[in-house]
Protein backbone atom coordinates (compact mmCIF):
# COMPACT_ATOMS: atom_id res chain seq x y z
CA MET A 1 -59.20 -13.86 -13.96
CA ASN A 2 -55.68 -13.47 -12.10
CA GLN A 3 -53.70 -16.69 -11.57
CA ARG A 4 -53.50 -17.16 -7.84
CA VAL A 5 -49.94 -16.44 -6.59
CA ARG A 6 -48.12 -19.65 -5.28
CA GLN A 7 -47.45 -19.88 -1.38
CA ARG A 8 -45.14 -23.14 -1.33
CA PRO A 9 -41.67 -22.50 -0.23
CA LEU A 10 -38.71 -22.87 -2.52
CA ALA A 11 -36.60 -26.06 -2.46
CA ILE A 12 -32.85 -25.24 -1.56
CA GLY A 13 -31.67 -27.26 -4.57
CA PRO A 14 -32.59 -25.28 -7.39
CA LEU A 15 -31.50 -22.08 -5.27
CA ARG A 16 -28.16 -23.49 -4.82
CA ALA A 17 -28.11 -24.04 -8.66
CA PHE A 18 -29.33 -20.51 -9.26
CA GLU A 19 -26.94 -18.95 -7.13
CA ALA A 20 -23.95 -21.02 -8.88
CA VAL A 21 -25.05 -20.01 -12.24
CA ALA A 22 -25.73 -16.38 -11.47
CA ARG A 23 -22.31 -15.89 -9.73
CA LEU A 24 -20.22 -17.88 -12.58
CA LEU A 25 -22.47 -16.97 -15.66
CA SER A 26 -22.06 -20.50 -16.85
CA PHE A 27 -24.15 -23.61 -16.77
CA ARG A 28 -20.94 -25.68 -17.24
CA ALA A 29 -18.88 -24.02 -14.62
CA ALA A 30 -21.85 -24.11 -12.18
CA GLY A 31 -22.16 -28.15 -12.67
CA GLU A 32 -18.48 -28.51 -12.06
CA GLU A 33 -18.65 -26.77 -8.76
CA LEU A 34 -21.91 -28.45 -7.83
CA HIS A 35 -20.71 -31.89 -9.20
CA LEU A 36 -23.64 -32.04 -11.33
CA THR A 37 -24.09 -32.57 -15.06
CA GLN A 38 -24.75 -29.30 -17.05
CA SER A 39 -28.44 -30.59 -17.96
CA ALA A 40 -29.22 -31.39 -14.36
CA VAL A 41 -28.28 -27.69 -13.54
CA SER A 42 -30.42 -26.52 -16.43
CA ARG A 43 -33.29 -28.35 -15.10
CA GLN A 44 -33.06 -27.23 -11.74
CA ILE A 45 -33.09 -23.59 -13.03
CA GLN A 46 -35.99 -24.30 -15.35
CA SER A 47 -37.92 -25.74 -12.32
CA LEU A 48 -37.30 -22.83 -10.15
CA GLU A 49 -38.34 -20.44 -12.84
CA GLU A 50 -41.66 -22.50 -13.26
CA GLU A 51 -42.15 -22.38 -9.55
CA ILE A 52 -41.83 -18.55 -9.41
CA GLY A 53 -43.47 -17.68 -12.58
CA VAL A 54 -40.80 -15.70 -13.99
CA PRO A 55 -37.76 -15.97 -16.23
CA LEU A 56 -34.59 -15.51 -14.05
CA LEU A 57 -31.72 -15.76 -16.71
CA THR A 58 -31.30 -14.97 -20.25
CA ARG A 59 -29.62 -17.65 -22.44
CA GLY A 60 -27.40 -16.75 -25.20
CA THR A 61 -25.36 -18.80 -27.47
CA ARG A 62 -22.09 -18.37 -25.54
CA GLN A 63 -23.35 -16.29 -22.49
CA VAL A 64 -25.67 -16.16 -19.76
CA ALA A 65 -27.26 -13.28 -18.11
CA LEU A 66 -29.45 -12.20 -15.21
CA THR A 67 -32.92 -10.94 -16.00
CA VAL A 68 -34.30 -8.12 -13.68
CA ALA A 69 -36.20 -10.60 -11.74
CA GLY A 70 -32.92 -12.86 -11.36
CA ALA A 71 -30.91 -10.00 -10.05
CA SER A 72 -33.51 -9.59 -7.37
CA LEU A 73 -33.55 -12.89 -6.27
CA LEU A 74 -29.91 -13.21 -6.42
CA ARG A 75 -29.70 -10.25 -3.88
CA ALA A 76 -31.83 -12.30 -1.52
CA THR A 77 -30.46 -15.53 -2.11
CA LEU A 78 -26.60 -14.63 -1.22
CA PRO A 79 -27.11 -13.50 2.31
CA ALA A 80 -29.67 -16.23 2.89
CA LEU A 81 -27.38 -19.07 1.73
CA GLY A 82 -24.36 -17.52 3.82
CA GLN A 83 -26.22 -17.66 7.05
CA LEU A 84 -27.40 -21.20 6.44
CA ASP A 85 -23.89 -22.42 5.54
CA ALA A 86 -22.57 -20.88 8.76
CA ALA A 87 -25.11 -22.41 10.65
CA VAL A 88 -24.40 -25.86 9.31
CA GLN A 89 -20.96 -25.32 9.79
CA GLN A 90 -21.51 -24.46 13.61
CA LEU A 91 -23.59 -27.55 13.93
CA ARG A 92 -21.17 -29.78 12.36
CA ARG A 93 -18.68 -28.61 14.75
CA THR A 94 -20.70 -29.18 17.99
CA SER A 95 -21.91 -32.60 16.90
CA VAL A 96 -18.44 -34.05 16.46
CA ARG A 97 -15.15 -34.08 18.22
CA PRO A 98 -14.47 -30.47 19.66
CA ARG A 99 -12.14 -28.37 17.34
CA VAL A 100 -10.41 -24.81 17.57
CA SER A 101 -9.14 -23.33 14.39
CA ILE A 102 -6.34 -20.83 14.51
CA THR A 103 -5.49 -18.18 12.04
CA THR A 104 -2.10 -16.83 12.08
CA PHE A 105 1.01 -15.77 9.94
CA ALA A 106 3.27 -18.64 8.69
CA SER A 107 6.49 -17.72 10.73
CA PHE A 108 4.71 -17.31 14.12
CA ALA A 109 3.01 -20.73 13.59
CA SER A 110 6.51 -22.52 12.62
CA LEU A 111 8.80 -20.81 15.19
CA TRP A 112 6.55 -19.95 18.17
CA LEU A 113 3.27 -21.93 18.20
CA ILE A 114 3.81 -25.30 16.80
CA PRO A 115 6.87 -26.17 18.94
CA ARG A 116 4.90 -25.54 22.07
CA LEU A 117 1.48 -27.10 20.97
CA GLU A 118 2.71 -30.63 21.76
CA GLY A 119 2.37 -29.84 25.47
CA PHE A 120 -1.31 -28.65 25.01
CA GLN A 121 -2.25 -31.49 22.86
CA ARG A 122 -1.09 -33.95 25.60
CA ASP A 123 -3.16 -32.27 28.05
CA HIS A 124 -6.25 -32.22 26.06
CA PRO A 125 -6.19 -35.32 23.92
CA GLY A 126 -9.79 -35.09 23.00
CA LEU A 127 -9.52 -31.75 21.29
CA ASP A 128 -8.64 -31.12 17.64
CA ILE A 129 -6.63 -28.16 16.49
CA ARG A 130 -6.72 -26.68 13.07
CA ILE A 131 -3.99 -24.11 12.18
CA ASN A 132 -4.31 -21.71 9.00
CA ALA A 133 -0.83 -20.41 8.67
CA GLU A 134 -0.71 -17.79 5.98
CA ASP A 135 0.00 -13.98 5.85
CA ALA A 136 -3.37 -13.15 4.48
CA LEU A 137 -5.59 -11.75 7.27
CA HIS A 138 -8.98 -13.87 7.70
CA ASP A 139 -12.04 -12.10 8.83
CA LEU A 140 -13.15 -13.33 12.32
CA ASP A 141 -16.80 -13.41 10.85
CA ASP A 142 -15.56 -16.46 9.21
CA PRO A 143 -17.20 -19.52 10.94
CA ASP A 144 -14.23 -21.80 10.33
CA ILE A 145 -11.98 -19.26 12.49
CA ASP A 146 -12.12 -19.46 16.16
CA LEU A 147 -8.81 -17.46 17.18
CA ALA A 148 -6.40 -15.15 15.54
CA LEU A 149 -2.78 -14.82 16.44
CA ARG A 150 -1.59 -11.37 14.95
CA HIS A 151 1.38 -9.09 14.96
CA CYS A 152 0.45 -5.38 14.48
CA SER A 153 0.08 -2.03 16.33
CA ALA A 154 -2.27 -1.48 19.12
CA ASP A 155 -4.40 1.21 17.10
CA VAL A 156 -5.57 -1.70 14.40
CA VAL A 157 -6.59 -4.67 16.95
CA PRO A 158 -10.23 -4.67 18.20
CA PRO A 159 -10.73 -3.49 21.98
CA GLU A 160 -11.21 -7.07 23.14
CA ALA A 161 -7.98 -8.05 21.73
CA GLN A 162 -5.52 -9.53 24.51
CA ARG A 163 -1.77 -8.56 24.15
CA LEU A 164 0.62 -11.61 24.43
CA PHE A 165 3.95 -9.94 24.37
CA GLY A 166 5.97 -7.05 22.52
CA GLU A 167 8.28 -6.81 19.59
CA CYS A 168 12.09 -6.74 20.14
CA VAL A 169 14.67 -7.37 17.37
CA SER A 170 18.39 -8.26 17.83
CA PRO A 171 21.34 -9.55 15.64
CA VAL A 172 21.33 -13.37 15.77
CA VAL A 173 23.92 -15.97 14.45
CA SER A 174 24.98 -19.47 14.53
CA PRO A 175 27.36 -20.38 17.34
CA TRP A 176 29.34 -22.13 14.45
CA LEU A 177 29.90 -18.61 12.88
CA ILE A 178 31.27 -17.07 16.30
CA GLU A 179 33.56 -19.97 16.47
CA ARG A 180 34.88 -19.52 13.40
CA SER A 181 35.43 -15.66 14.04
CA ALA A 182 37.39 -16.54 17.38
CA ARG A 183 39.67 -19.03 15.28
CA GLY A 184 40.37 -16.14 12.56
CA ASP A 185 38.67 -18.10 9.94
CA ALA A 186 35.79 -15.23 9.83
CA PRO A 187 35.85 -11.62 10.55
CA PRO A 188 35.10 -10.71 14.04
CA LEU A 189 31.75 -9.95 15.28
CA GLY A 190 32.00 -7.68 18.49
CA ALA A 191 30.39 -4.32 17.48
CA PRO A 192 27.88 -3.03 15.11
CA ALA A 193 30.46 -1.83 12.61
CA ASP A 194 31.70 -5.30 12.31
CA LEU A 195 28.78 -6.19 10.36
CA GLN A 196 30.11 -4.67 7.23
CA ALA A 197 32.19 -7.42 6.82
CA HIS A 198 29.49 -10.35 7.33
CA THR A 199 26.50 -11.38 5.11
CA LEU A 200 23.40 -10.04 6.39
CA ILE A 201 20.00 -11.95 6.09
CA GLU A 202 17.17 -9.79 5.04
CA SER A 203 13.39 -9.61 4.42
CA ALA A 204 12.36 -9.67 0.80
CA ASP A 205 9.26 -7.42 1.55
CA LEU A 206 10.95 -4.34 2.73
CA HIS A 207 8.06 -2.25 1.07
CA LEU A 208 5.68 -3.39 3.66
CA PRO A 209 5.77 -0.68 6.40
CA THR A 210 5.77 -3.24 9.29
CA VAL A 211 8.50 -4.99 8.01
CA HIS A 212 10.63 -1.99 7.21
CA GLU A 213 10.13 -0.76 10.72
CA ARG A 214 12.31 -3.96 11.85
CA SER A 215 14.78 -3.93 8.89
CA TRP A 216 18.61 -3.77 9.27
CA ALA A 217 18.12 -0.20 7.68
CA ARG A 218 16.10 1.08 10.83
CA TRP A 219 18.73 -0.80 13.03
CA PHE A 220 21.69 0.79 11.37
CA GLU A 221 20.06 4.25 11.59
CA ARG A 222 19.62 4.10 15.11
CA ARG A 223 23.29 3.40 15.82
CA GLY A 224 24.47 6.19 13.22
CA LEU A 225 25.51 3.50 10.84
CA ALA A 226 23.05 4.47 7.96
CA SER A 227 25.60 4.29 5.18
CA LEU A 228 26.97 0.86 6.42
CA GLN A 229 26.86 -2.04 3.69
CA PRO A 230 27.52 -5.68 4.54
CA ALA A 231 29.61 -8.10 2.43
CA ARG A 232 26.59 -9.16 0.71
CA TRP A 233 22.70 -9.61 1.30
CA ILE A 234 20.64 -12.91 1.42
CA HIS A 235 16.64 -12.16 1.04
CA PHE A 236 13.86 -14.36 2.02
CA ASN A 237 10.29 -13.93 1.94
CA TYR A 238 9.59 -15.35 5.58
CA ASP A 239 10.78 -14.96 8.98
CA HIS A 240 11.36 -18.62 9.63
CA GLN A 241 13.60 -18.82 6.55
CA GLN A 242 15.73 -16.28 7.73
CA VAL A 243 16.08 -18.02 11.02
CA GLN A 244 16.94 -21.08 9.57
CA ALA A 245 19.51 -19.69 7.07
CA ALA A 246 21.25 -18.06 10.33
CA GLN A 247 21.21 -21.28 12.15
CA SER A 248 23.11 -23.04 9.42
CA GLY A 249 25.81 -20.27 9.42
CA GLN A 250 24.67 -18.56 6.16
CA GLY A 251 24.72 -15.04 7.77
CA VAL A 252 23.50 -12.57 10.50
CA ALA A 253 19.74 -12.21 10.89
CA LEU A 254 17.91 -9.62 12.71
CA GLY A 255 15.99 -11.76 14.66
CA ARG A 256 12.58 -11.16 16.30
CA LEU A 257 13.15 -12.40 19.80
CA ALA A 258 9.57 -13.59 20.44
CA LEU A 259 10.11 -15.98 17.54
CA VAL A 260 13.80 -17.11 18.35
CA ALA A 261 13.54 -17.08 22.06
CA ASP A 262 13.80 -20.97 22.19
CA LEU A 263 16.55 -21.06 20.03
CA LEU A 264 18.43 -18.88 21.87
CA GLN A 265 17.74 -20.55 25.02
CA ARG A 266 18.85 -23.75 23.81
CA GLY A 267 21.96 -22.20 22.15
CA ASP A 268 21.05 -22.77 18.57
CA LEU A 269 21.40 -18.95 18.10
CA ILE A 270 23.12 -16.45 19.98
CA GLU A 271 23.16 -12.60 20.17
CA PRO A 272 26.77 -11.90 19.23
CA LEU A 273 26.37 -8.20 20.32
CA GLY A 274 24.41 -8.75 23.44
CA ALA A 275 21.23 -7.40 24.86
CA ALA A 276 22.62 -3.81 24.63
CA GLU A 277 22.00 -3.83 20.86
CA ARG A 278 18.29 -5.00 21.04
CA ASP A 279 15.63 -2.72 19.52
CA VAL A 280 12.09 -2.68 20.88
CA ARG A 281 9.49 -1.90 18.15
CA SER A 282 6.09 -0.45 18.39
CA GLN A 283 4.27 -3.47 17.34
CA ALA A 284 3.06 -6.35 19.51
CA TYR A 285 1.51 -10.03 19.11
CA TRP A 286 -2.19 -10.18 19.84
CA LEU A 287 -4.75 -13.03 20.63
CA ILE A 288 -8.14 -12.26 19.26
CA VAL A 289 -11.11 -14.44 19.64
CA ALA A 290 -13.95 -14.58 17.23
CA PRO A 291 -17.23 -13.37 18.97
CA ALA A 292 -19.00 -16.39 17.91
CA SER A 293 -16.46 -18.63 19.68
CA ALA A 294 -15.73 -16.88 22.68
CA GLU A 295 -17.99 -18.96 24.98
CA ARG A 296 -16.88 -22.29 23.71
CA PRO A 297 -14.97 -24.25 26.60
CA GLU A 298 -12.33 -25.72 24.25
CA VAL A 299 -11.72 -22.19 22.77
CA ARG A 300 -11.37 -20.86 26.38
CA GLN A 301 -9.08 -23.79 27.34
CA LEU A 302 -6.59 -22.82 24.45
CA CYS A 303 -6.83 -19.16 25.17
CA ASP A 304 -5.76 -19.55 28.85
CA TRP A 305 -2.98 -21.79 27.66
CA LEU A 306 -1.84 -19.32 24.98
CA LEU A 307 -1.96 -16.65 27.62
CA ALA A 308 -0.04 -18.67 30.09
CA GLN A 309 2.74 -19.30 27.30
CA ALA A 310 2.91 -15.67 26.52
CA ALA A 311 3.46 -15.01 30.39
CA GLY A 312 6.24 -17.42 30.49
CA LEU A 313 7.91 -15.90 27.65
CA ARG A 314 7.59 -12.41 29.27
CA ALA A 315 9.11 -13.40 32.30
CA ALA A 316 11.90 -15.12 30.58
CA MET A 317 12.78 -12.50 28.24
CA PRO A 318 11.61 -9.04 30.05
CA ALA A 319 12.38 -7.11 26.83
CA LEU A 320 9.31 -8.40 25.42
CA ALA A 321 7.04 -7.14 28.13
């Protein structure tokens, strides 16, 4: 007589253990990830195999492998656990203080977002903000991401993206360097050709197309100075490092006006060649809202504030419109 097929649902704990072992192919590594002993993980896998009635793993002396049944169960387990985790994260966020998570690149966070954020926090004291500032692009399907602030061309953003402002670059220096030039303690800096006597601050990532587009090489090409070479170069990975070096008088940076507008307004940096030597680029800065977060009131509040801040910058610096 055939044994009756069990109808009882599987417990989540053994499935977690199975997924970890199947992914890591190691009982020890799975135990470390789940904060369980290796023997506890082994017992959970054994109970799962007994519950289902088929072996899920083959256990060798030094390695673990999936059986055909194990591979089948893993294909069903991965999306199910992913959906469960996403739902739990969403519930956790709505059951505690409201929070909005933003992903953006490091220099935008340092030079534009963070200096302005105090005003928003003052007006919304009950709202927590989480900023993930790194150059890696995060998928907006990630339940931990509500908003993305990105710099790119219009053809790669989703249709619902909102343009904040454009991209414009211009040589920027410390006022101290210009004072030295006026006293004769440093070379003059009144025309593009004068840059050959100065130290230029440049990105270390010129192999990236978007970075090369706003490089000194492109700026010189547009002025018929493609062969110009400065006194020396200083290279940095991030724009905020380039700006910091320019502020301290170490050389001339090709500043992204959207990121240095506040420093220009305060006089911490100046444009020695004036607005006539600004270059408008094809990229722009965009606000993108994760579809799952678009209707949350706290997300809308932050979006409205960001759009108002962007409008203020465009009004103060029309070159960014």
